[in-house]
């Protein structure tokens, strides 16, 4: 047994041999760690006082994994020169992982207040807590992030290198990005998922998607406009961290690895329902809204009268009347909105719904146009009306 000082903890990478003879045990000590024991064949290497073998390190990126190739040159270096040489090679490997988007299996060395410490060959990088997969927090929701980090110490995680800057000594990992590579091929626009609400922000909620294996692997955003058909002033009034919800994927940004989700699109839009369905039974409804001459006695919503006048200029539209109105308990928007109703056409009559705030008005069109023709006419009118 022999001992070499000087903080060398990687000598097993420097010696190779094809011989299979009896072995000696070698013990080396680093300045900040316990002894590392390695076995190598008898006569497989020769150490001279004051000199050590130094590898010429190259990076191989065949397949999905990068590796450090073996020793090609023998140069005389002092022990103090070997550590910087090895670390520089590992920084190059980290940069290759980052540029090629490769997944690395890294051991969790420990953690601090902001994230996990991940071993990358002779380097130690950082995995911020926000870059961890939702798998961990959803698996054990009762635990704090620090408790989860403590339990992960010593385990191996699949991560991507998202920053490798040797000059600034910044080596940053993302487990979320590695999960994206593995699970994003299982999602499509229009898919629905059971999900769990993560963080809630002013602009929406981040929601974790539950996959068929029962675990949560990817996260998407439900924007405040996609939370409810009702007017939402504060997302926190509707969603709370830990809530179980059902969501629909409405957009996937493959380049930025982002998923846009909707909760409200799994519910029927009340503006596309008939007036009987939109207005509650105890709401104010005025069925007798026509005078003895058959003219409308309902005052049109602000801006609606101008739209009606423009619609009457469209070919194929012969008559427009406001048949009835009511008041809802909920508010979708204070702005005037005009929609085609789901109510089926009756002969040459089509129904529109106009809505602003809580007030809803039902409009009857006498027309020779079909539903698509009415949509085009409405689009032309709305382009003309300021």
Protein backbone atom coordinates (compact mmCIF):
# COMPACT_ATOMS: atom_id res chain seq x y z
CA UNK A 1 0.00 0.00 0.00
CA UNK A 2 1.23 3.50 -0.76
CA UNK A 3 -0.07 6.99 -0.11
CA UNK A 4 0.03 10.03 -2.37
CA UNK A 5 -0.86 13.47 -1.00
CA UNK A 6 -1.83 16.61 -2.89
CA UNK A 7 -5.63 16.26 -3.22
CA UNK A 8 -5.69 13.69 -6.05
CA UNK A 9 -9.00 11.85 -6.04
CA UNK A 10 -9.31 10.61 -9.62
CA UNK A 11 -6.32 8.36 -10.29
CA UNK A 12 -8.52 5.46 -11.28
CA UNK A 13 -9.25 7.40 -14.49
CA UNK A 14 -5.56 7.56 -15.36
CA UNK A 15 -4.53 3.91 -15.39
CA UNK A 16 -5.57 1.28 -17.89
CA UNK A 17 -4.28 -2.21 -18.54
CA UNK A 18 -5.37 -5.35 -20.29
CA UNK A 19 -3.43 -7.69 -17.98
CA UNK A 20 -5.39 -9.84 -15.53
CA UNK A 21 -2.78 -10.67 -12.93
CA UNK A 22 -2.80 -10.32 -9.17
CA UNK A 23 -3.55 -6.83 -7.88
CA UNK A 24 -2.19 -4.40 -5.35
CA UNK A 25 -4.43 -2.01 -3.48
CA UNK A 26 -3.77 1.71 -3.81
CA UNK A 27 -5.15 4.31 -1.45
CA UNK A 28 -5.20 8.01 -2.30
CA UNK A 29 -6.38 10.92 -0.20
CA UNK A 30 -7.95 14.18 -1.27
CA UNK A 31 -7.92 17.30 0.82
CA UNK A 32 -11.69 17.36 1.27
CA UNK A 33 -12.75 13.74 1.22
CA UNK A 34 -12.19 10.34 2.78
CA UNK A 35 -9.77 7.80 1.27
CA UNK A 36 -10.68 6.28 -2.08
CA UNK A 37 -9.64 2.65 -2.58
CA UNK A 38 -8.79 1.36 -6.05
CA UNK A 39 -7.40 -1.90 -7.34
CA UNK A 40 -5.10 -2.19 -10.36
CA UNK A 41 -3.07 -5.10 -11.74
CA UNK A 42 0.49 -5.71 -10.64
CA UNK A 43 3.04 -4.11 -12.98
CA UNK A 44 0.30 -2.30 -14.87
CA UNK A 45 1.78 1.12 -14.15
CA UNK A 46 4.97 2.65 -12.88
CA UNK A 47 5.10 5.70 -10.64
CA UNK A 48 8.25 7.76 -10.38
CA UNK A 49 8.90 10.26 -7.65
CA UNK A 50 7.74 13.74 -8.67
CA UNK A 51 5.89 12.64 -11.80
CA UNK A 52 2.50 11.15 -12.74
CA UNK A 53 0.77 10.09 -15.91
CA UNK A 54 -1.43 12.83 -17.38
CA UNK A 55 -4.28 11.95 -19.75
CA UNK A 56 -5.11 13.71 -22.94
CA UNK A 57 -8.88 13.92 -22.47
CA UNK A 58 -11.28 13.89 -25.38
CA UNK A 59 -15.09 13.99 -25.38
CA UNK A 60 -17.06 11.33 -27.22
CA UNK A 61 -20.75 12.02 -27.94
CA UNK A 62 -21.80 8.82 -29.63
CA UNK A 63 -25.44 8.01 -28.86
CA UNK A 64 -27.11 9.80 -25.95
CA UNK A 65 -24.21 9.75 -23.54
CA UNK A 66 -20.92 11.60 -23.42
CA UNK A 67 -17.85 9.90 -22.01
CA UNK A 68 -14.26 10.73 -21.19
CA UNK A 69 -11.88 8.67 -23.33
CA UNK A 70 -8.69 7.07 -22.05
CA UNK A 71 -5.03 7.98 -21.72
CA UNK A 72 -3.20 8.75 -24.96
CA UNK A 73 -0.09 10.66 -23.90
CA UNK A 74 2.38 10.43 -21.05
CA UNK A 75 3.61 13.76 -19.78
CA UNK A 76 5.37 14.57 -16.58
CA UNK A 77 3.10 16.73 -14.40
CA UNK A 78 3.10 17.49 -10.73
CA UNK A 79 0.02 16.46 -8.74
CA UNK A 80 -1.02 20.12 -8.43
CA UNK A 81 -1.24 20.39 -12.23
CA UNK A 82 -3.46 17.35 -12.76
CA UNK A 83 -6.61 18.63 -11.01
CA UNK A 84 -6.96 21.80 -13.17
CA UNK A 85 -6.30 19.73 -16.30
CA UNK A 86 -9.01 17.21 -15.43
CA UNK A 87 -11.51 19.88 -14.42
CA UNK A 88 -10.96 21.80 -17.65
CA UNK A 89 -11.71 18.63 -19.62
CA UNK A 90 -14.88 18.08 -17.58
CA UNK A 91 -16.01 21.65 -18.27
CA UNK A 92 -15.63 20.87 -21.97
CA UNK A 93 -17.71 17.74 -21.50
CA UNK A 94 -20.40 19.76 -19.69
CA UNK A 95 -20.48 22.26 -22.54
CA UNK A 96 -20.93 19.41 -25.03
CA UNK A 97 -23.84 18.04 -22.99
CA UNK A 98 -25.43 21.49 -23.01
CA UNK A 99 -24.95 22.13 -26.73
CA UNK A 100 -26.19 18.69 -27.79
CA UNK A 101 -29.07 18.51 -25.33
CA UNK A 102 -27.85 15.23 -23.84
CA UNK A 103 -29.26 13.71 -20.66
CA UNK A 104 -26.83 13.01 -17.83
CA UNK A 105 -27.36 10.65 -14.92
CA UNK A 106 -26.06 12.66 -11.98
CA UNK A 107 -25.71 11.72 -8.34
CA UNK A 108 -27.18 14.06 -5.74
CA UNK A 109 -24.27 15.06 -3.50
CA UNK A 110 -26.34 17.22 -1.15
CA UNK A 111 -28.50 20.34 -1.12
CA UNK A 112 -28.71 23.90 0.11
CA UNK A 113 -31.44 26.49 0.50
CA UNK A 114 -31.95 26.88 -3.24
CA UNK A 115 -31.53 23.45 -4.77
CA UNK A 116 -29.64 20.18 -5.16
CA UNK A 117 -25.89 19.68 -5.67
CA UNK A 118 -25.25 17.29 -8.58
CA UNK A 119 -21.96 15.50 -9.29
CA UNK A 120 -20.69 15.81 -12.87
CA UNK A 121 -17.42 13.83 -13.08
CA UNK A 122 -14.92 15.93 -11.06
CA UNK A 123 -17.32 18.92 -10.94
CA UNK A 124 -20.31 19.70 -8.76
CA UNK A 125 -23.20 21.60 -10.37
CA UNK A 126 -26.48 23.05 -9.16
CA UNK A 127 -30.08 21.95 -9.76
CA UNK A 128 -32.41 24.77 -8.59
CA UNK A 129 -35.59 23.63 -6.87
CA UNK A 130 -37.81 25.23 -9.59
CA UNK A 131 -36.00 23.06 -12.18
CA UNK A 132 -36.90 19.81 -10.40
CA UNK A 133 -39.50 17.52 -11.93
CA UNK A 134 -43.00 17.78 -10.37
CA UNK A 135 -42.74 14.02 -9.85
CA UNK A 136 -41.17 14.48 -6.41
CA UNK A 137 -43.49 17.08 -4.88
CA UNK A 138 -46.63 15.38 -6.23
CA UNK A 139 -45.49 11.97 -4.98
CA UNK A 140 -45.09 13.26 -1.42
CA UNK A 141 -47.13 16.47 -1.20
CA UNK A 142 -47.01 16.52 2.59
CA UNK A 143 -43.23 17.04 2.60
CA UNK A 144 -41.42 20.36 2.29
CA UNK A 145 -38.94 20.86 -0.54
CA UNK A 146 -36.08 20.62 1.97
CA UNK A 147 -37.36 17.27 3.22
CA UNK A 148 -37.63 16.02 -0.36
CA UNK A 149 -34.09 17.24 -1.08
CA UNK A 150 -32.76 15.43 1.99
CA UNK A 151 -34.40 12.18 0.86
CA UNK A 152 -32.92 12.55 -2.62
CA UNK A 153 -29.35 12.86 -1.36
CA UNK A 154 -27.35 9.92 -2.69
CA UNK A 155 -29.81 9.10 -5.45
CA UNK A 156 -29.25 9.47 -9.20
CA UNK A 157 -31.40 11.86 -11.30
CA UNK A 158 -31.74 12.31 -15.04
CA UNK A 159 -30.84 15.93 -15.80
CA UNK A 160 -29.90 18.22 -18.66
CA UNK A 161 -27.06 20.73 -18.54
CA UNK A 162 -28.68 24.12 -19.22
CA UNK A 163 -25.64 26.25 -18.42
CA UNK A 164 -21.93 25.41 -18.47
CA UNK A 165 -19.66 28.45 -18.04
CA UNK A 166 -16.12 27.55 -16.97
CA UNK A 167 -15.04 31.17 -16.59
CA UNK A 168 -17.87 31.98 -14.19
CA UNK A 169 -17.81 28.48 -12.65
CA UNK A 170 -21.54 28.09 -13.33
CA UNK A 171 -22.82 24.57 -13.97
CA UNK A 172 -26.65 24.48 -13.87
CA UNK A 173 -28.90 21.46 -14.40
CA UNK A 174 -32.61 20.99 -15.13
CA UNK A 175 -34.56 17.85 -14.34
CA UNK A 176 -37.66 19.38 -15.95
CA UNK A 177 -35.90 19.60 -19.30
CA UNK A 178 -34.84 15.96 -19.07
CA UNK A 179 -38.46 14.99 -18.31
CA UNK A 180 -39.60 16.98 -21.34
CA UNK A 181 -37.37 14.90 -23.60
CA UNK A 182 -38.81 11.70 -22.17
CA UNK A 183 -42.52 12.50 -21.93
CA UNK A 184 -43.34 15.28 -24.42
CA UNK A 185 -43.86 12.72 -27.19
CA UNK A 186 -46.89 11.49 -25.23
CA UNK A 187 -48.87 14.75 -25.45
CA UNK A 188 -50.88 16.43 -28.23
CA UNK A 189 -53.04 19.52 -28.59
CA UNK A 190 -56.58 18.56 -27.61
CA UNK A 191 -55.54 15.94 -25.03
CA UNK A 192 -57.17 16.10 -21.60
CA UNK A 193 -55.39 15.28 -18.34
CA UNK A 194 -56.11 14.93 -14.69
CA UNK A 195 -53.78 17.45 -13.09
CA UNK A 196 -52.68 19.04 -9.84
CA UNK A 197 -52.27 22.76 -9.25
CA UNK A 198 -48.74 23.82 -8.37
CA UNK A 199 -47.97 27.50 -7.88
CA UNK A 200 -50.64 30.16 -8.46
CA UNK A 201 -49.62 33.53 -9.88
CA UNK A 202 -51.47 36.73 -10.82
CA UNK A 203 -51.40 35.75 -14.50
CA UNK A 204 -52.48 32.12 -14.06
CA UNK A 205 -51.64 28.79 -12.45
CA UNK A 206 -48.92 26.25 -13.15
CA UNK A 207 -50.48 22.80 -13.28
CA UNK A 208 -48.76 19.38 -13.23
CA UNK A 209 -50.05 16.75 -15.67
CA UNK A 210 -50.76 13.22 -14.41
CA UNK A 211 -49.61 10.56 -16.87
CA UNK A 212 -50.95 7.00 -17.30
CA UNK A 213 -48.26 5.67 -14.94
CA UNK A 214 -49.93 7.65 -12.16
CA UNK A 215 -47.05 10.12 -11.78
CA UNK A 216 -46.77 13.81 -12.62
CA UNK A 217 -44.01 14.53 -15.14
CA UNK A 218 -44.77 17.74 -17.08
CA UNK A 219 -46.06 21.17 -16.12
CA UNK A 220 -48.22 23.61 -18.10
CA UNK A 221 -49.75 27.03 -17.58
CA UNK A 222 -53.45 27.79 -17.27
CA UNK A 223 -53.64 31.49 -18.10
CA UNK A 224 -56.11 33.58 -16.10
CA UNK A 225 -58.25 33.90 -19.26
CA UNK A 226 -58.54 30.08 -19.46
CA UNK A 227 -59.54 29.43 -15.86
CA UNK A 228 -63.28 30.11 -16.13
CA UNK A 229 -65.94 31.53 -18.42
CA UNK A 230 -66.71 33.90 -15.56
CA UNK A 231 -64.74 37.12 -15.23
CA UNK A 232 -61.75 36.23 -13.01
CA UNK A 233 -60.18 39.07 -11.05
CA UNK A 234 -57.89 36.90 -8.90
CA UNK A 235 -56.91 33.36 -9.86
CA UNK A 236 -56.45 32.56 -6.16
CA UNK A 237 -60.20 32.98 -5.66
CA UNK A 238 -60.72 29.89 -7.83
CA UNK A 239 -57.54 27.79 -7.69
CA UNK A 240 -55.35 26.81 -4.74
CA UNK A 241 -52.06 24.94 -4.67
CA UNK A 242 -52.76 21.20 -4.42
CA UNK A 243 -56.20 21.34 -6.09
CA UNK A 244 -57.00 18.44 -8.42
CA UNK A 245 -58.39 19.70 -11.74
CA UNK A 246 -59.03 18.49 -15.25
CA UNK A 247 -57.34 20.41 -18.06
CA UNK A 248 -57.14 20.45 -21.84
CA UNK A 249 -53.96 21.09 -23.83
CA UNK A 250 -54.64 24.02 -26.18
CA UNK A 251 -51.10 24.78 -27.34
CA UNK A 252 -47.59 23.25 -27.27
CA UNK A 253 -44.49 25.33 -27.93
CA UNK A 254 -41.98 22.63 -28.85
CA UNK A 255 -39.10 25.06 -29.22
CA UNK A 256 -39.52 26.55 -25.74
CA UNK A 257 -40.84 23.34 -24.09
CA UNK A 258 -44.03 25.06 -22.95
CA UNK A 259 -47.57 23.74 -22.59
CA UNK A 260 -50.65 25.98 -22.53
CA UNK A 261 -53.69 24.54 -20.75
CA UNK A 262 -57.35 25.40 -20.32
CA UNK A 263 -59.90 24.51 -17.68
CA UNK A 264 -62.85 26.46 -19.08
CA UNK A 265 -62.70 24.79 -22.50
CA UNK A 266 -63.83 21.55 -20.89
CA UNK A 267 -67.06 23.33 -19.99
CA UNK A 268 -69.68 24.49 -22.47
CA UNK A 269 -69.39 28.18 -23.29
CA UNK A 270 -72.53 29.78 -21.83
CA UNK A 271 -72.52 32.38 -24.59
CA UNK A 272 -73.20 29.64 -27.13
CA UNK A 273 -76.20 28.29 -25.28
CA UNK A 274 -79.79 29.35 -25.73
CA UNK A 275 -81.12 32.15 -23.57
CA UNK A 276 -83.15 29.69 -21.50
CA UNK A 277 -79.96 27.88 -20.52
CA UNK A 278 -77.89 31.00 -19.92
CA UNK A 279 -80.32 32.84 -17.65
CA UNK A 280 -81.17 31.27 -14.33
CA UNK A 281 -84.78 30.48 -13.63
CA UNK A 282 -85.00 33.12 -10.90
CA UNK A 283 -83.37 35.78 -13.10
CA UNK A 284 -85.29 38.66 -14.64
CA UNK A 285 -86.67 37.57 -18.04
CA UNK A 286 -89.00 39.59 -20.23
CA UNK A 287 -90.81 37.32 -22.71
CA UNK A 288 -93.42 39.99 -23.58
CA UNK A 289 -90.86 42.39 -25.02
CA UNK A 290 -92.77 43.37 -28.18
CA UNK A 291 -95.42 46.10 -28.37
CA UNK A 292 -98.79 45.77 -30.16
CA UNK A 293 -97.19 46.68 -33.48
CA UNK A 294 -94.61 43.94 -33.19
CA UNK A 295 -91.75 46.34 -32.62
CA UNK A 296 -89.07 45.78 -30.05
CA UNK A 297 -89.53 47.74 -26.83
CA UNK A 298 -86.19 46.60 -25.40
CA UNK A 299 -83.44 49.19 -25.40
CA UNK A 300 -80.44 47.66 -27.20
CA UNK A 301 -77.18 47.24 -25.31
CA UNK A 302 -74.68 50.04 -25.79
CA UNK A 303 -73.20 49.69 -29.28
CA UNK A 304 -75.65 47.01 -30.40
CA UNK A 305 -77.95 49.39 -32.28
CA UNK A 306 -75.09 50.40 -34.62
CA UNK A 307 -74.26 46.75 -35.28
CA UNK A 308 -77.89 45.97 -36.11
CA UNK A 309 -78.03 48.88 -38.56
CA UNK A 310 -74.89 47.60 -40.31
CA UNK A 311 -76.21 44.02 -40.40
CA UNK A 312 -79.32 45.25 -42.19
CA UNK A 313 -77.05 46.47 -45.01
CA UNK A 314 -75.78 42.93 -45.63
CA UNK A 315 -77.27 40.96 -48.54
CA UNK A 316 -79.51 38.12 -47.40
CA UNK A 317 -80.54 39.69 -44.04
CA UNK A 318 -84.16 40.96 -44.14
CA UNK A 319 -85.15 41.71 -40.57
CA UNK A 320 -83.61 41.94 -37.06
CA UNK A 321 -85.49 42.15 -33.77
CA UNK A 322 -84.52 41.91 -30.11
CA UNK A 323 -86.94 39.27 -28.89
CA UNK A 324 -86.20 39.21 -25.14
CA UNK A 325 -83.60 39.99 -22.51
CA UNK A 326 -82.50 38.89 -19.06
CA UNK A 327 -79.91 39.40 -16.35
CA UNK A 328 -77.36 36.86 -15.17
CA UNK A 329 -75.83 36.48 -11.73
CA UNK A 330 -72.32 36.16 -13.15
CA UNK A 331 -70.22 38.50 -15.27
CA UNK A 332 -68.09 37.27 -18.18
CA UNK A 333 -67.11 40.63 -19.65
CA UNK A 334 -68.20 44.25 -19.44
CA UNK A 335 -67.55 44.65 -23.18
CA UNK A 336 -70.28 43.99 -25.73
CA UNK A 337 -70.04 40.45 -27.12
CA UNK A 338 -72.09 39.01 -29.97
CA UNK A 339 -72.42 35.28 -30.54
CA UNK A 340 -74.35 32.81 -32.65
CA UNK A 341 -76.58 30.70 -30.44
CA UNK A 342 -76.57 26.91 -30.43
CA UNK A 343 -80.31 27.06 -30.84
CA UNK A 344 -81.22 25.39 -34.17
CA UNK A 345 -82.52 27.51 -37.04
CA UNK A 346 -86.27 27.68 -37.48
CA UNK A 347 -87.02 28.17 -41.16
CA UNK A 348 -85.28 31.42 -42.15
CA UNK A 349 -84.79 32.53 -38.52
CA UNK A 350 -81.45 32.47 -36.72
CA UNK A 351 -80.70 33.46 -33.14
CA UNK A 352 -77.87 35.66 -31.87
CA UNK A 353 -76.92 36.48 -28.30
CA UNK A 354 -75.65 39.90 -27.28
CA UNK A 355 -74.08 40.26 -23.87
CA UNK A 356 -72.45 42.97 -21.77
CA UNK A 357 -71.84 42.68 -18.03
CA UNK A 358 -74.80 40.78 -16.56
CA UNK A 359 -77.29 41.75 -19.28
CA UNK A 360 -78.13 39.34 -22.10
CA UNK A 361 -80.34 40.02 -25.13
CA UNK A 362 -81.68 37.51 -27.64
CA UNK A 363 -81.74 38.70 -31.26
CA UNK A 364 -83.74 37.09 -34.06
CA UNK A 365 -82.47 37.34 -37.66
CA UNK A 366 -84.70 36.73 -40.67
CA UNK A 367 -82.26 35.73 -43.39
CA UNK A 368 -81.58 33.52 -46.37
CA UNK A 369 -77.98 33.01 -45.21
CA UNK A 370 -76.78 29.78 -43.64
CA UNK A 371 -74.80 29.76 -40.41
CA UNK A 372 -71.43 30.22 -42.14
CA UNK A 373 -72.87 33.11 -44.19
CA UNK A 374 -74.07 34.80 -40.99
CA UNK A 375 -70.61 34.41 -39.44
CA UNK A 376 -68.99 36.07 -42.44
CA UNK A 377 -71.54 38.89 -42.38
CA UNK A 378 -70.90 39.48 -38.67
CA UNK A 379 -67.15 39.55 -39.28
CA UNK A 380 -67.53 42.17 -42.01
CA UNK A 381 -69.78 44.31 -39.82
CA UNK A 382 -67.48 44.15 -36.81
CA UNK A 383 -64.58 45.25 -39.03
CA UNK A 384 -66.57 48.32 -40.08
CA UNK A 385 -67.86 49.29 -36.66
CA UNK A 386 -65.25 51.12 -34.53
